[in-house]
């Protein structure tokens, strides 16, 4: 997972973060270790290696697919992969 922030987190020694995300009106907890950091302007871009989630991997993927499809109403409603074919 990648994210951007103005906060400076350490990259070494397995620094752990827990993020709370609201997705489709549901709260999700994502825990992971900071894998890399790159600076771009006044933001830091991080890679988070996920080590734990509050929901199963399958449920997490379904939630992300539903969220993606909700932003693309003119697209095929059943397969999120349709969006990536073009």
N, C-alpha and C. Protein backbone atom coordinates (compact mmCIF):
# COMPACT_ATOMS: atom_id res chain seq x y z
N UNK A 1 0.85 -1.16 0.00
CA UNK A 1 0.00 0.00 0.00
C UNK A 1 0.90 1.23 0.00
N UNK A 2 0.48 2.28 -0.68
CA UNK A 2 1.23 3.53 -0.70
C UNK A 2 0.35 4.66 -0.20
N UNK A 3 0.97 5.64 0.44
CA UNK A 3 0.25 6.82 0.90
C UNK A 3 1.21 7.99 0.96
N UNK A 4 0.66 9.20 1.02
CA UNK A 4 1.45 10.43 1.09
C UNK A 4 1.01 11.25 2.29
N UNK A 5 1.97 11.92 2.90
CA UNK A 5 1.69 12.77 4.06
C UNK A 5 2.82 13.79 4.21
N UNK A 6 2.57 14.78 5.03
CA UNK A 6 3.63 15.75 5.34
C UNK A 6 4.46 15.28 6.53
N UNK A 7 4.03 14.20 7.18
CA UNK A 7 4.75 13.67 8.35
C UNK A 7 5.97 12.86 7.92
N UNK A 8 7.04 12.98 8.70
CA UNK A 8 8.28 12.27 8.42
C UNK A 8 8.39 11.06 9.35
N UNK A 9 8.23 9.85 8.78
CA UNK A 9 8.35 8.61 9.54
C UNK A 9 9.68 7.95 9.24
N UNK A 10 10.28 7.26 10.21
CA UNK A 10 11.51 6.53 9.94
C UNK A 10 11.24 5.30 9.06
N UNK A 11 12.22 4.92 8.26
CA UNK A 11 12.07 3.78 7.36
C UNK A 11 12.77 2.55 7.94
N UNK A 12 13.76 2.72 8.75
CA UNK A 12 14.54 1.60 9.27
C UNK A 12 13.88 0.95 10.48
N UNK A 13 14.39 -0.21 10.85
CA UNK A 13 14.00 -0.93 12.06
C UNK A 13 12.53 -1.34 12.12
N UNK A 14 11.92 -1.58 10.98
CA UNK A 14 10.54 -2.07 10.98
C UNK A 14 9.54 -1.16 11.66
N UNK A 15 9.63 0.14 11.42
CA UNK A 15 8.71 1.11 12.03
C UNK A 15 7.28 0.75 11.65
N UNK A 16 6.42 0.54 12.65
CA UNK A 16 5.05 0.10 12.41
C UNK A 16 4.07 1.26 12.48
N UNK A 17 3.09 1.21 11.56
CA UNK A 17 2.00 2.18 11.56
C UNK A 17 0.67 1.44 11.52
N UNK A 18 -0.34 2.03 12.14
CA UNK A 18 -1.70 1.53 12.03
C UNK A 18 -2.55 2.67 11.48
N UNK A 19 -3.17 2.44 10.35
CA UNK A 19 -4.00 3.44 9.69
C UNK A 19 -5.47 3.06 9.83
N UNK A 20 -6.30 4.03 10.07
CA UNK A 20 -7.74 3.83 10.10
C UNK A 20 -8.31 4.45 8.83
N UNK A 21 -9.00 3.62 8.03
CA UNK A 21 -9.54 4.07 6.76
C UNK A 21 -11.06 3.92 6.76
N UNK A 22 -11.75 4.89 6.17
CA UNK A 22 -13.19 4.79 5.99
C UNK A 22 -13.42 4.44 4.53
N UNK A 23 -14.03 3.29 4.30
CA UNK A 23 -14.28 2.82 2.94
C UNK A 23 -15.70 2.29 2.88
N UNK A 24 -16.53 2.89 2.02
CA UNK A 24 -17.94 2.49 1.90
C UNK A 24 -18.65 2.53 3.26
N UNK A 25 -18.38 3.59 4.01
CA UNK A 25 -19.00 3.83 5.32
C UNK A 25 -18.63 2.79 6.36
N UNK A 26 -17.52 2.09 6.15
CA UNK A 26 -17.03 1.12 7.13
C UNK A 26 -15.61 1.50 7.52
N UNK A 27 -15.31 1.36 8.80
CA UNK A 27 -13.97 1.64 9.28
C UNK A 27 -13.10 0.39 9.14
N UNK A 28 -11.89 0.58 8.65
CA UNK A 28 -10.93 -0.52 8.48
C UNK A 28 -9.62 -0.12 9.13
N UNK A 29 -8.99 -1.06 9.81
CA UNK A 29 -7.66 -0.85 10.38
C UNK A 29 -6.65 -1.60 9.54
N UNK A 30 -5.60 -0.91 9.13
CA UNK A 30 -4.52 -1.50 8.36
C UNK A 30 -3.24 -1.29 9.16
N UNK A 31 -2.51 -2.36 9.43
CA UNK A 31 -1.25 -2.28 10.15
C UNK A 31 -0.13 -2.75 9.23
N UNK A 32 1.00 -2.07 9.29
CA UNK A 32 2.13 -2.47 8.46
C UNK A 32 3.41 -1.78 8.87
N UNK A 33 4.47 -2.15 8.17
CA UNK A 33 5.78 -1.54 8.40
C UNK A 33 6.13 -0.64 7.23
N UNK A 34 6.79 0.46 7.52
CA UNK A 34 7.19 1.41 6.49
C UNK A 34 8.33 0.78 5.68
N UNK A 35 8.12 0.63 4.37
CA UNK A 35 9.11 -0.02 3.52
C UNK A 35 10.04 0.96 2.82
N UNK A 36 9.51 2.07 2.37
CA UNK A 36 10.34 3.06 1.68
C UNK A 36 9.71 4.44 1.81
N UNK A 37 10.52 5.46 1.54
CA UNK A 37 10.07 6.84 1.61
C UNK A 37 10.72 7.62 0.48
N UNK A 38 9.95 8.48 -0.17
CA UNK A 38 10.48 9.37 -1.21
C UNK A 38 9.85 10.75 -0.99
N UNK A 39 10.65 11.79 -1.16
CA UNK A 39 10.14 13.15 -0.96
C UNK A 39 9.77 13.75 -2.31
N UNK A 40 8.63 14.44 -2.32
CA UNK A 40 8.17 15.13 -3.52
C UNK A 40 7.54 16.45 -3.07
N UNK A 41 8.25 17.53 -3.26
CA UNK A 41 7.78 18.83 -2.78
C UNK A 41 7.74 18.83 -1.27
N UNK A 42 6.56 19.15 -0.72
CA UNK A 42 6.44 19.15 0.75
C UNK A 42 5.78 17.87 1.27
N UNK A 43 5.65 16.85 0.41
CA UNK A 43 5.05 15.58 0.82
C UNK A 43 6.08 14.46 0.83
N UNK A 44 5.84 13.49 1.69
CA UNK A 44 6.62 12.25 1.70
C UNK A 44 5.71 11.13 1.22
N UNK A 45 6.19 10.35 0.26
CA UNK A 45 5.45 9.21 -0.27
C UNK A 45 6.03 7.95 0.37
N UNK A 46 5.15 7.15 0.96
CA UNK A 46 5.58 5.95 1.69
C UNK A 46 5.00 4.69 1.06
N UNK A 47 5.74 3.61 1.22
CA UNK A 47 5.25 2.28 0.90
C UNK A 47 5.02 1.59 2.25
N UNK A 48 3.83 1.06 2.45
CA UNK A 48 3.49 0.37 3.68
C UNK A 48 3.32 -1.11 3.38
N UNK A 49 4.17 -1.94 3.98
CA UNK A 49 4.07 -3.39 3.82
C UNK A 49 3.06 -3.89 4.83
N UNK A 50 1.88 -4.30 4.35
CA UNK A 50 0.77 -4.65 5.23
C UNK A 50 1.07 -5.94 5.98
N UNK A 51 0.91 -5.88 7.30
CA UNK A 51 1.12 -7.06 8.15
C UNK A 51 -0.17 -7.51 8.81
N UNK A 52 -1.20 -6.66 8.81
CA UNK A 52 -2.47 -7.04 9.41
C UNK A 52 -3.59 -6.12 8.98
N UNK A 53 -4.83 -6.68 8.95
CA UNK A 53 -6.02 -5.92 8.58
C UNK A 53 -7.16 -6.33 9.51
N UNK A 54 -8.15 -5.46 9.63
CA UNK A 54 -9.30 -5.77 10.48
C UNK A 54 -10.30 -6.67 9.77
N UNK A 55 -10.15 -6.88 8.47
CA UNK A 55 -11.03 -7.76 7.69
C UNK A 55 -10.16 -8.72 6.88
N UNK A 56 -10.78 -9.78 6.38
CA UNK A 56 -10.03 -10.74 5.57
C UNK A 56 -9.59 -10.10 4.26
N UNK A 57 -8.60 -10.72 3.63
CA UNK A 57 -8.08 -10.20 2.36
C UNK A 57 -9.19 -10.17 1.31
N UNK A 58 -10.01 -11.20 1.24
CA UNK A 58 -11.09 -11.27 0.25
C UNK A 58 -12.11 -10.15 0.48
N UNK A 59 -12.49 -9.92 1.73
CA UNK A 59 -13.44 -8.85 2.04
C UNK A 59 -12.84 -7.48 1.72
N UNK A 60 -11.56 -7.31 2.01
CA UNK A 60 -10.86 -6.05 1.71
C UNK A 60 -10.87 -5.78 0.20
N UNK A 61 -10.60 -6.81 -0.61
CA UNK A 61 -10.60 -6.65 -2.07
C UNK A 61 -12.01 -6.32 -2.57
N UNK A 62 -13.02 -6.97 -2.02
CA UNK A 62 -14.41 -6.66 -2.41
C UNK A 62 -14.76 -5.21 -2.10
N UNK A 63 -14.38 -4.75 -0.91
CA UNK A 63 -14.65 -3.36 -0.53
C UNK A 63 -13.96 -2.38 -1.48
N UNK A 64 -12.71 -2.66 -1.82
CA UNK A 64 -11.98 -1.79 -2.74
C UNK A 64 -12.61 -1.82 -4.13
N UNK A 65 -13.03 -2.99 -4.60
CA UNK A 65 -13.68 -3.10 -5.91
C UNK A 65 -15.00 -2.31 -5.93
N UNK A 66 -15.79 -2.45 -4.88
CA UNK A 66 -17.06 -1.71 -4.79
C UNK A 66 -16.81 -0.21 -4.79
N UNK A 67 -15.80 0.22 -4.05
CA UNK A 67 -15.45 1.65 -4.01
C UNK A 67 -15.02 2.14 -5.38
N UNK A 68 -14.19 1.35 -6.07
CA UNK A 68 -13.73 1.75 -7.40
C UNK A 68 -14.89 1.81 -8.38
N UNK A 69 -15.77 0.83 -8.37
CA UNK A 69 -16.92 0.82 -9.28
C UNK A 69 -17.90 1.95 -8.97
N UNK A 70 -18.02 2.35 -7.71
CA UNK A 70 -18.93 3.43 -7.37
C UNK A 70 -18.48 4.76 -7.98
N UNK A 71 -17.21 4.89 -8.25
CA UNK A 71 -16.69 6.11 -8.88
C UNK A 71 -16.71 6.04 -10.39
N UNK A 72 -17.09 4.90 -10.94
CA UNK A 72 -17.13 4.70 -12.39
C UNK A 72 -18.51 4.14 -12.79
N UNK A 73 -19.60 4.87 -12.60
CA UNK A 73 -20.94 4.31 -12.82
C UNK A 73 -21.21 3.90 -14.26
N UNK A 74 -20.52 4.47 -15.24
CA UNK A 74 -20.77 4.12 -16.64
C UNK A 74 -20.06 2.84 -17.05
N UNK A 75 -19.24 2.30 -16.18
CA UNK A 75 -18.48 1.09 -16.49
C UNK A 75 -19.30 -0.17 -16.23
N UNK A 76 -18.76 -1.28 -16.70
CA UNK A 76 -19.39 -2.58 -16.51
C UNK A 76 -19.57 -2.83 -15.01
N UNK A 77 -20.78 -3.13 -14.53
CA UNK A 77 -21.03 -3.20 -13.09
C UNK A 77 -20.55 -4.46 -12.39
N UNK A 78 -20.10 -5.47 -13.13
CA UNK A 78 -19.79 -6.74 -12.48
C UNK A 78 -18.31 -7.05 -12.34
N UNK A 79 -17.49 -6.55 -13.22
CA UNK A 79 -16.07 -6.90 -13.19
C UNK A 79 -15.22 -5.63 -13.12
N UNK A 80 -14.51 -5.49 -12.03
CA UNK A 80 -13.63 -4.33 -11.89
C UNK A 80 -12.49 -4.41 -12.89
N UNK A 81 -12.14 -5.61 -13.33
CA UNK A 81 -11.06 -5.77 -14.30
C UNK A 81 -11.39 -5.10 -15.63
N UNK A 82 -12.66 -4.89 -15.91
CA UNK A 82 -13.09 -4.21 -17.13
C UNK A 82 -12.47 -2.82 -17.21
N UNK A 83 -12.34 -2.16 -16.06
CA UNK A 83 -11.78 -0.80 -16.00
C UNK A 83 -10.33 -0.80 -16.46
N UNK A 84 -9.59 -1.87 -16.16
CA UNK A 84 -8.17 -1.90 -16.46
C UNK A 84 -7.85 -2.40 -17.86
N UNK A 85 -8.83 -2.91 -18.58
CA UNK A 85 -8.59 -3.44 -19.93
C UNK A 85 -8.30 -2.37 -20.95
N UNK A 86 -8.71 -1.16 -20.71
CA UNK A 86 -8.53 -0.10 -21.71
C UNK A 86 -7.25 0.63 -21.52
